[in-house]
Each structure stands twice: as C-alpha cells, then as structure tokens.
PDB file of N, CA and C in Angstrom:
ATOM      1  N   MET A   1      10.229   6.204   9.992  1.00  0.00           N
ATOM      2  CA  MET A   1       9.557   5.768   8.328  1.00  0.00           C
ATOM      3  C   MET A   1      10.711   6.412   7.593  1.00  0.00           C
ATOM      4  N   TYR A   2      11.883   6.343   6.788  1.00  0.00           N
ATOM      5  CA  TYR A   2      12.795   6.836   6.223  1.00  0.00           C
ATOM      6  C   TYR A   2      12.352   6.824   4.940  1.00  0.00           C
ATOM      7  N   PHE A   3      13.437   7.217   4.130  1.00  0.00           N
ATOM      8  CA  PHE A   3      14.306   7.421   2.539  1.00  0.00           C
ATOM      9  C   PHE A   3      14.866   6.167   2.201  1.00  0.00           C
ATOM     10  N   GLY A   4      15.064   5.453   1.194  1.00  0.00           N
ATOM     11  CA  GLY A   4      16.373   4.521   1.276  1.00  0.00           C
ATOM     12  C   GLY A   4      16.291   4.254  -0.150  1.00  0.00           C
ATOM     13  N   ARG A   5      17.228   3.856  -0.429  1.00  0.00           N
ATOM     14  CA  ARG A   5      18.113   3.285  -1.492  1.00  0.00           C
ATOM     15  C   ARG A   5      18.189   1.820  -1.151  1.00  0.00           C
ATOM     16  N   VAL A   6      17.407   1.016  -2.456  1.00  0.00           N
ATOM     17  CA  VAL A   6      18.288  -0.647  -1.780  1.00  0.00           C
ATOM     18  C   VAL A   6      19.301  -0.552  -3.000  1.00  0.00           C
ATOM     19  N   VAL A   7      20.150  -0.602  -1.684  1.00  0.00           N
ATOM     20  CA  VAL A   7      21.687  -1.638  -2.433  1.00  0.00           C
ATOM     21  C   VAL A   7      22.259  -2.493  -2.798  1.00  0.00           C
ATOM     22  N   GLY A   8      21.291  -4.056  -2.430  1.00  0.00           N
ATOM     23  CA  GLY A   8      21.779  -4.692  -2.325  1.00  0.00           C
ATOM     24  C   GLY A   8      20.613  -5.999  -1.894  1.00  0.00           C
ATOM     25  N   THR A   9      21.032  -7.253  -2.401  1.00  0.00           N
ATOM     26  CA  THR A   9      19.426  -8.589  -1.608  1.00  0.00           C
ATOM     27  C   THR A   9      20.477  -9.311  -0.992  1.00  0.00           C
ATOM     28  N   ILE A  10      19.370 -10.261  -0.587  1.00  0.00           N
ATOM     29  CA  ILE A  10      20.660 -10.934   0.483  1.00  0.00           C
ATOM     30  C   ILE A  10      19.686 -12.104  -0.035  1.00  0.00           C
ATOM     31  N   VAL A  11      20.850 -13.298  -0.184  1.00  0.00           N
ATOM     32  CA  VAL A  11      20.010 -14.625  -0.708  1.00  0.00           C
ATOM     33  C   VAL A  11      20.243 -15.447   0.878  1.00  0.00           C
ATOM     34  N   ALA A  12      19.536 -16.113   1.201  1.00  0.00           N
ATOM     35  CA  ALA A  12      19.154 -17.418   2.467  1.00  0.00           C
ATOM     36  C   ALA A  12      18.474 -18.504   2.035  1.00  0.00           C
ATOM     37  N   THR A  13      19.532 -19.265   1.728  1.00  0.00           N
ATOM     38  CA  THR A  13      18.656 -20.624   1.701  1.00  0.00           C
ATOM     39  C   THR A  13      17.838 -20.864   3.170  1.00  0.00           C
ATOM     40  N   ILE A  14      17.839 -20.965   4.015  1.00  0.00           N
ATOM     41  CA  ILE A  14      17.405 -21.565   5.305  1.00  0.00           C
ATOM     42  C   ILE A  14      17.050 -19.429   6.196  1.00  0.00           C
ATOM     43  N   LYS A  15      15.828 -19.584   6.481  1.00  0.00           N
ATOM     44  CA  LYS A  15      15.243 -18.393   7.454  1.00  0.00           C
ATOM     45  C   LYS A  15      14.529 -18.979   8.068  1.00  0.00           C
ATOM     46  N   HIS A  16      13.914 -17.868   8.570  1.00  0.00           N
ATOM     47  CA  HIS A  16      12.761 -18.257   9.503  1.00  0.00           C
ATOM     48  C   HIS A  16      11.306 -17.777   8.777  1.00  0.00           C
ATOM     49  N   PRO A  17      10.216 -19.025   9.000  1.00  0.00           N
ATOM     50  CA  PRO A  17       9.158 -19.193   8.629  1.00  0.00           C
ATOM     51  C   PRO A  17       8.809 -17.716   8.244  1.00  0.00           C
ATOM     52  N   ALA A  18       9.013 -16.672   8.493  1.00  0.00           N
ATOM     53  CA  ALA A  18       7.545 -15.642   8.847  1.00  0.00           C
ATOM     54  C   ALA A  18       8.201 -14.894   7.186  1.00  0.00           C
ATOM     55  N   TYR A  19       9.387 -14.654   7.094  1.00  0.00           N
ATOM     56  CA  TYR A  19      10.046 -14.148   5.760  1.00  0.00           C
ATOM     57  C   TYR A  19      10.132 -15.480   4.662  1.00  0.00           C
ATOM     58  N   GLN A  20       9.288 -16.526   4.606  1.00  0.00           N
ATOM     59  CA  GLN A  20       9.223 -17.305   3.647  1.00  0.00           C
ATOM     60  C   GLN A  20       7.793 -16.601   2.616  1.00  0.00           C
ATOM     61  N   GLY A  21       8.440 -16.189   1.336  1.00  0.00           N
ATOM     62  CA  GLY A  21       7.630 -15.699  -0.015  1.00  0.00           C
ATOM     63  C   GLY A  21       7.806 -13.854   0.329  1.00  0.00           C
ATOM     64  N   TYR A  22       9.115 -13.584   1.253  1.00  0.00           N
ATOM     65  CA  TYR A  22       9.253 -12.088   1.294  1.00  0.00           C
ATOM     66  C   TYR A  22      10.652 -12.295   0.420  1.00  0.00           C
ATOM     67  N   LYS A  23      11.059 -11.162  -0.858  1.00  0.00           N
ATOM     68  CA  LYS A  23      12.737 -11.303  -0.694  1.00  0.00           C
ATOM     69  C   LYS A  23      13.385 -10.041   0.661  1.00  0.00           C
ATOM     70  N   LEU A  24      14.698 -10.681   0.650  1.00  0.00           N
ATOM     71  CA  LEU A  24      15.195  -9.452   2.028  1.00  0.00           C
ATOM     72  C   LEU A  24      16.039  -8.549   0.717  1.00  0.00           C
ATOM     73  N   LEU A  25      16.210  -7.119   1.453  1.00  0.00           N
ATOM     74  CA  LEU A  25      17.074  -6.332   0.340  1.00  0.00           C
ATOM     75  C   LEU A  25      17.647  -5.434   1.753  1.00  0.00           C
ATOM     76  N   THR A  26      18.993  -5.242   1.252  1.00  0.00           N
ATOM     77  CA  THR A  26      19.979  -4.237   1.774  1.00  0.00           C
ATOM     78  C   THR A  26      19.250  -2.795   1.886  1.00  0.00           C
ATOM     79  N   VAL A  27      18.873  -1.961   2.277  1.00  0.00           N
ATOM     80  CA  VAL A  27      18.750  -0.585   1.862  1.00  0.00           C
ATOM     81  C   VAL A  27      19.173   0.427   2.325  1.00  0.00           C
ATOM     82  N   ALA A  28      19.963   1.414   2.186  1.00  0.00           N
ATOM     83  CA  ALA A  28      20.777   2.814   2.797  1.00  0.00           C
ATOM     84  C   ALA A  28      19.806   3.726   2.880  1.00  0.00           C
ATOM     85  N   ARG A  29      20.029   3.807   3.803  1.00  0.00           N
ATOM     86  CA  ARG A  29      19.163   5.705   4.452  1.00  0.00           C
ATOM     87  C   ARG A  29      19.376   6.510   3.443  1.00  0.00           C
ATOM     88  N   GLU A  30      18.775   7.353   2.818  1.00  0.00           N
ATOM     89  CA  GLU A  30      19.154   8.011   1.966  1.00  0.00           C
ATOM     90  C   GLU A  30      18.089   9.762   3.070  1.00  0.00           C
ATOM     91  N   THR A  31      19.245  10.849   2.268  1.00  0.00           N
ATOM     92  CA  THR A  31      18.532  11.982   2.464  1.00  0.00           C
ATOM     93  C   THR A  31      17.881  12.780   1.435  1.00  0.00           C
ATOM     94  N   LEU A  32      17.458  13.949   1.994  1.00  0.00           N
ATOM     95  CA  LEU A  32      16.281  14.497   0.910  1.00  0.00           C
ATOM     96  C   LEU A  32      16.804  14.670  -0.175  1.00  0.00           C
ATOM     97  N   ASP A  33      17.883  15.246  -0.829  1.00  0.00           N
ATOM     98  CA  ASP A  33      18.208  15.953  -1.854  1.00  0.00           C
ATOM     99  C   ASP A  33      19.409  14.444  -1.970  1.00  0.00           C
ATOM    100  N   GLY A  34      18.966  12.993  -1.896  1.00  0.00           N
ATOM    101  CA  GLY A  34      19.541  11.991  -2.913  1.00  0.00           C
ATOM    102  C   GLY A  34      20.949  11.024  -1.676  1.00  0.00           C
ATOM    103  N   HIS A  35      21.387  11.578  -0.929  1.00  0.00           N
ATOM    104  CA  HIS A  35      22.652  11.286  -0.377  1.00  0.00           C
ATOM    105  C   HIS A  35      22.441  10.132   0.105  1.00  0.00           C
ATOM    106  N   LEU A  36      23.810   9.177   0.411  1.00  0.00           N
ATOM    107  CA  LEU A  36      23.333   8.068   0.795  1.00  0.00           C
ATOM    108  C   LEU A  36      24.042   7.820   2.472  1.00  0.00           C
ATOM    109  N   ASP A  37      23.789   7.430   3.663  1.00  0.00           N
ATOM    110  CA  ASP A  37      24.462   7.767   4.786  1.00  0.00           C
ATOM    111  C   ASP A  37      24.925   6.734   4.429  1.00  0.00           C
ATOM    112  N   ASP A  38      25.800   6.179   5.708  1.00  0.00           N
ATOM    113  CA  ASP A  38      26.402   5.473   6.361  1.00  0.00           C
ATOM    114  C   ASP A  38      25.216   3.808   7.293  1.00  0.00           C
ATOM    115  N   LYS A  39      24.204   4.260   6.920  1.00  0.00           N
ATOM    116  CA  LYS A  39      23.462   3.475   7.859  1.00  0.00           C
ATOM    117  C   LYS A  39      22.630   2.844   6.794  1.00  0.00           C
ATOM    118  N   TYR A  40      22.282   1.250   7.419  1.00  0.00           N
ATOM    119  CA  TYR A  40      21.282   0.528   6.775  1.00  0.00           C
ATOM    120  C   TYR A  40      20.752  -0.404   7.011  1.00  0.00           C
ATOM    121  N   ASP A  41      19.039  -0.654   6.526  1.00  0.00           N
ATOM    122  CA  ASP A  41      18.799  -1.970   7.022  1.00  0.00           C
ATOM    123  C   ASP A  41      18.817  -2.863   5.937  1.00  0.00           C
ATOM    124  N   ILE A  42      18.531  -3.842   7.106  1.00  0.00           N
ATOM    125  CA  ILE A  42      18.403  -5.806   6.316  1.00  0.00           C
ATOM    126  C   ILE A  42      16.593  -5.511   6.183  1.00  0.00           C
ATOM    127  N   ALA A  43      15.234  -5.197   5.317  1.00  0.00           N
ATOM    128  CA  ALA A  43      14.317  -5.119   5.207  1.00  0.00           C
ATOM    129  C   ALA A  43      13.153  -6.151   4.023  1.00  0.00           C
ATOM    130  N   LEU A  44      12.507  -6.510   4.994  1.00  0.00           N
ATOM    131  CA  LEU A  44      11.517  -7.727   3.591  1.00  0.00           C
ATOM    132  C   LEU A  44      10.809  -6.685   3.276  1.00  0.00           C
ATOM    133  N   ASP A  45      10.341  -7.381   1.792  1.00  0.00           N
ATOM    134  CA  ASP A  45      10.245  -6.217   0.259  1.00  0.00           C
ATOM    135  C   ASP A  45       8.993  -6.837   0.231  1.00  0.00           C
ATOM    136  N   THR A  46       7.808  -5.734   0.189  1.00  0.00           N
ATOM    137  CA  THR A  46       6.694  -5.875  -0.121  1.00  0.00           C
ATOM    138  C   THR A  46       6.085  -4.909  -0.607  1.00  0.00           C
ATOM    139  N   VAL A  47       7.144  -5.150  -1.792  1.00  0.00           N
ATOM    140  CA  VAL A  47       6.330  -3.886  -2.455  1.00  0.00           C
ATOM    141  C   VAL A  47       6.915  -4.495  -4.192  1.00  0.00           C
ATOM    142  N   GLN A  48       7.796  -5.394  -4.529  1.00  0.00           N
ATOM    143  CA  GLN A  48       8.757  -5.528  -5.436  1.00  0.00           C
ATOM    144  C   GLN A  48       9.564  -4.646  -6.102  1.00  0.00           C
ATOM    145  N   ALA A  49      10.067  -4.174  -5.128  1.00  0.00           N
ATOM    146  CA  ALA A  49      11.628  -3.098  -5.153  1.00  0.00           C
ATOM    147  C   ALA A  49      12.773  -3.957  -5.823  1.00  0.00           C
ATOM    148  N   GLY A  50      13.759  -2.746  -6.067  1.00  0.00           N
ATOM    149  CA  GLY A  50      15.173  -3.926  -6.907  1.00  0.00           C
ATOM    150  C   GLY A  50      16.437  -2.694  -6.722  1.00  0.00           C
ATOM    151  N   VAL A  51      17.381  -3.408  -6.842  1.00  0.00           N
ATOM    152  CA  VAL A  51      18.515  -2.378  -6.203  1.00  0.00           C
ATOM    153  C   VAL A  51      18.409  -1.174  -7.790  1.00  0.00           C
ATOM    154  N   GLY A  52      18.705  -0.015  -6.564  1.00  0.00           N
ATOM    155  CA  GLY A  52      18.685   1.068  -7.652  1.00  0.00           C
ATOM    156  C   GLY A  52      17.180   2.258  -7.452  1.00  0.00           C
ATOM    157  N   ASP A  53      16.421   1.081  -6.555  1.00  0.00           N
ATOM    158  CA  ASP A  53      15.097   1.913  -6.017  1.00  0.00           C
ATOM    159  C   ASP A  53      15.250   2.564  -5.178  1.00  0.00           C
ATOM    160  N   ARG A  54      14.802   4.203  -5.158  1.00  0.00           N
ATOM    161  CA  ARG A  54      14.012   4.498  -3.762  1.00  0.00           C
ATOM    162  C   ARG A  54      13.131   4.484  -3.335  1.00  0.00           C
ATOM    163  N   VAL A  55      12.779   3.923  -1.545  1.00  0.00           N
ATOM    164  CA  VAL A  55      12.068   3.603  -1.372  1.00  0.00           C
ATOM    165  C   VAL A  55      11.628   3.992   0.141  1.00  0.00           C
ATOM    166  N   LEU A  56      10.330   4.162   0.697  1.00  0.00           N
ATOM    167  CA  LEU A  56       9.333   4.034   1.350  1.00  0.00           C
ATOM    168  C   LEU A  56       9.639   3.427   2.641  1.00  0.00           C
ATOM    169  N   VAL A  57      10.339   3.123   4.129  1.00  0.00           N
ATOM    170  CA  VAL A  57      10.989   1.800   4.691  1.00  0.00           C
ATOM    171  C   VAL A  57      10.289   2.451   6.303  1.00  0.00           C
ATOM    172  N   MET A  58       9.361   1.335   6.621  1.00  0.00           N
ATOM    173  CA  MET A  58       9.062   0.930   7.910  1.00  0.00           C
ATOM    174  C   MET A  58       9.782   0.834   8.268  1.00  0.00           C
ATOM    175  N   ASP A  59      10.758   1.048   9.376  1.00  0.00           N
ATOM    176  CA  ASP A  59      11.487   0.758  10.354  1.00  0.00           C
ATOM    177  C   ASP A  59      11.735   0.557  11.850  1.00  0.00           C
ATOM    178  N   GLU A  60       9.964   0.762  12.292  1.00  0.00           N
ATOM    179  CA  GLU A  60       9.765   0.964  13.649  1.00  0.00           C
ATOM    180  C   GLU A  60       8.714  -0.745  13.726  1.00  0.00           C
ATOM    181  N   GLY A  61       9.506  -1.170  14.372  1.00  0.00           N
ATOM    182  CA  GLY A  61       9.205  -3.117  14.459  1.00  0.00           C
ATOM    183  C   GLY A  61       7.543  -3.188  15.134  1.00  0.00           C
ATOM    184  N   ASN A  62       6.738  -2.827  16.051  1.00  0.00           N
ATOM    185  CA  ASN A  62       5.626  -2.534  15.418  1.00  0.00           C
ATOM    186  C   ASN A  62       4.545  -2.157  14.096  1.00  0.00           C
ATOM    187  N   GLY A  63       4.979  -1.238  13.922  1.00  0.00           N
ATOM    188  CA  GLY A  63       4.415  -0.830  12.613  1.00  0.00           C
ATOM    189  C   GLY A  63       4.777  -2.259  11.446  1.00  0.00           C
ATOM    190  N   ALA A  64       5.856  -2.761  11.505  1.00  0.00           N
ATOM    191  CA  ALA A  64       6.708  -3.265  10.638  1.00  0.00           C
ATOM    192  C   ALA A  64       5.275  -4.658  10.494  1.00  0.00           C
ATOM    193  N   ARG A  65       5.552  -5.181  11.786  1.00  0.00           N
ATOM    194  CA  ARG A  65       4.958  -6.613  11.873  1.00  0.00           C
ATOM    195  C   ARG A  65       3.227  -6.137  11.553  1.00  0.00           C
ATOM    196  N   GLN A  66       2.526  -5.134  12.079  1.00  0.00           N
ATOM    197  CA  GLN A  66       1.198  -4.596  11.474  1.00  0.00           C
ATOM    198  C   GLN A  66       1.242  -4.896  10.053  1.00  0.00           C
ATOM    199  N   VAL A  67       2.136  -4.164   8.862  1.00  0.00           N
ATOM    200  CA  VAL A  67       1.964  -4.386   7.960  1.00  0.00           C
ATOM    201  C   VAL A  67       1.766  -6.044   7.280  1.00  0.00           C
ATOM    202  N   LEU A  68       2.571  -6.518   8.152  1.00  0.00           N
ATOM    203  CA  LEU A  68       2.579  -8.419   7.554  1.00  0.00           C
ATOM    204  C   LEU A  68       2.069  -8.903   8.091  1.00  0.00           C
ATOM    205  N   ASN A  69       0.839  -8.616   9.064  1.00  0.00           N
ATOM    206  CA  ASN A  69       0.089  -9.505   9.889  1.00  0.00           C
ATOM    207  C   ASN A  69       0.658 -10.824  10.817  1.00  0.00           C
ATOM    208  N   MET A  70       1.387  -9.529  11.408  1.00  0.00           N
ATOM    209  CA  MET A  70       2.263 -10.943  12.356  1.00  0.00           C
ATOM    210  C   MET A  70       2.158 -10.583  13.286  1.00  0.00           C
ATOM    211  N   GLU A  71       1.429  -9.754  14.240  1.00  0.00           N
ATOM    212  CA  GLU A  71       0.974  -9.372  15.379  1.00  0.00           C
ATOM    213  C   GLU A  71       0.400 -10.730  16.024  1.00  0.00           C
ATOM    214  N   PRO A  72       0.704 -10.606  17.692  1.00  0.00           N
ATOM    215  CA  PRO A  72       1.439  -9.937  18.405  1.00  0.00           C
ATOM    216  C   PRO A  72       3.188 -10.312  18.280  1.00  0.00           C
ATOM    217  N   TRP A  73       3.919 -11.015  17.350  1.00  0.00           N
ATOM    218  CA  TRP A  73       5.068 -11.325  17.367  1.00  0.00           C
ATOM    219  C   TRP A  73       5.493 -11.330  15.677  1.00  0.00           C
ATOM    220  N   GLY A  74       6.440 -11.285  15.937  1.00  0.00           N
ATOM    221  CA  GLY A  74       7.462 -11.687  14.295  1.00  0.00           C
ATOM    222  C   GLY A  74       8.782 -11.430  14.624  1.00  0.00           C
ATOM    223  N   PRO A  75       9.487 -12.079  14.034  1.00  0.00           N
ATOM    224  CA  PRO A  75      11.380 -11.096  13.796  1.00  0.00           C
ATOM    225  C   PRO A  75      11.171 -10.124  12.731  1.00  0.00           C
ATOM    226  N   VAL A  76      10.509  -8.832  12.969  1.00  0.00           N
ATOM    227  CA  VAL A  76      10.926  -8.089  12.122  1.00  0.00           C
ATOM    228  C   VAL A  76      10.806  -7.336  12.421  1.00  0.00           C
ATOM    229  N   ARG A  77      11.570  -5.678  12.053  1.00  0.00           N
ATOM    230  CA  ARG A  77      11.949  -4.695  12.207  1.00  0.00           C
ATOM    231  C   ARG A  77      12.169  -3.576  11.234  1.00  0.00           C
ATOM    232  N   ALA A  78      12.048  -3.767   9.321  1.00  0.00           N
ATOM    233  CA  ALA A  78      12.138  -3.050   8.891  1.00  0.00           C
ATOM    234  C   ALA A  78      11.445  -4.004   7.694  1.00  0.00           C
ATOM    235  N   VAL A  79      10.243  -2.905   7.205  1.00  0.00           N
ATOM    236  CA  VAL A  79       9.577  -3.013   5.858  1.00  0.00           C
ATOM    237  C   VAL A  79       9.742  -2.241   4.670  1.00  0.00           C
ATOM    238  N   VAL A  80       9.996  -2.599   3.275  1.00  0.00           N
ATOM    239  CA  VAL A  80       9.749  -1.746   2.499  1.00  0.00           C
ATOM    240  C   VAL A  80       8.218  -1.601   2.093  1.00  0.00           C
ATOM    241  N   VAL A  81       7.894  -0.679   2.430  1.00  0.00           N
ATOM    242  CA  VAL A  81       5.905  -0.200   2.192  1.00  0.00           C
ATOM    243  C   VAL A  81       6.060   0.813   1.154  1.00  0.00           C
ATOM    244  N   GLY A  82       6.935   1.146   0.358  1.00  0.00           N
ATOM    245  CA  GLY A  82       6.612   1.990  -0.932  1.00  0.00           C
ATOM    246  C   GLY A  82       7.828   2.125  -2.454  1.00  0.00           C
ATOM    247  N   ILE A  83       7.830   2.734  -3.319  1.00  0.00           N
ATOM    248  CA  ILE A  83       8.408   2.483  -4.518  1.00  0.00           C
ATOM    249  C   ILE A  83       7.816   4.304  -4.512  1.00  0.00           C
ATOM    250  N   VAL A  84       9.200   5.339  -4.201  1.00  0.00           N
ATOM    251  CA  VAL A  84       9.339   6.509  -4.532  1.00  0.00           C
ATOM    252  C   VAL A  84       9.546   6.809  -6.172  1.00  0.00           C
ATOM    253  N   ASP A  85       8.839   7.803  -6.825  1.00  0.00           N
ATOM    254  CA  ASP A  85       8.988   8.321  -7.651  1.00  0.00           C
ATOM    255  C   ASP A  85       9.530   9.544  -8.217  1.00  0.00           C
ATOM    256  N   GLU A  86       8.809  10.262  -6.740  1.00  0.00           N
ATOM    257  CA  GLU A  86       9.648  11.686  -6.537  1.00  0.00           C
ATOM    258  C   GLU A  86       9.211  12.633  -5.143  1.00  0.00           C
ATOM    259  N   VAL A  87       9.763  13.086  -4.942  1.00  0.00           N
ATOM    260  CA  VAL A  87       9.857  13.969  -3.964  1.00  0.00           C
ATOM    261  C   VAL A  87      10.258  15.863  -3.866  1.00  0.00           C
ATOM    262  N   GLU A  88       9.082  15.829  -3.622  1.00  0.00           N
ATOM    263  CA  GLU A  88       8.808  17.852  -3.947  1.00  0.00           C
ATOM    264  C   GLU A  88       9.001  17.532  -2.130  1.00  0.00           C
ATOM    265  N   THR A  89      10.040  19.156  -1.656  1.00  0.00           N
ATOM    266  CA  THR A  89      10.262  19.749  -0.805  1.00  0.00           C
ATOM    267  C   THR A  89       9.517  21.079  -0.950  1.00  0.00           C
ATOM    268  N   GLY A  90       9.210  21.947  -0.011  1.00  0.00           N
ATOM    269  CA  GLY A  90       8.812  23.472  -0.106  1.00  0.00           C
ATOM    270  C   GLY A  90       9.862  24.406   0.270  1.00  0.00           C
ATOM    271  N   ALA A  91      11.132  24.161   0.126  1.00  0.00           N
ATOM    272  CA  ALA A  91      12.545  24.851   0.191  1.00  0.00           C
ATOM    273  C   ALA A  91      12.913  24.753  -1.341  1.00  0.00           C
TER     274      ALA A  91
END
C-alpha cells in the first residue's frame, strides 16, 4: 500500500468486464513529504477520486481483488481505497 497523487484519468471504450462501473486513474507514487516519484500505477477508483487528489492505493493484486469482491481471480493489481486529507509523522 502506498500514498499517491492522481495525475490523470484513462478512457477506454472497450475494457474487460471486471472494469465496468469503475474509473481508471493514473496514480504517481508520492513520498511522505509530497514529492512525486517516477513510478506510477493504473488503478481502479473505488472512492470517487479526481486529478490532484492524494490517495491511498492498495497495489497488491490479491488484496485489490478482495476489495472488489473478484475472488479467486480478477485482472486487477491496484485499487484506490481512500482519499488522504492529512498525513502526520512522528518526526
């Protein structure tokens, strides 16, 4: 699981039936201090996130499928599971 920033949306006129009803988002990984990494994922949106939102991404395939009730199989690796309002660190 990681923090990310939604940097774009993906539009697909033809997609796998498991994706029906979900928005596809491009999510850049983000450090705790807000800097964007070069790594990104394409994630299914379950929380109505939009471009610019800081989000929490489940990026482990089995956990993502559990969130979406796609067990035992589904073509999903990453799912946006929360919109982050604030991050506090102990340092």
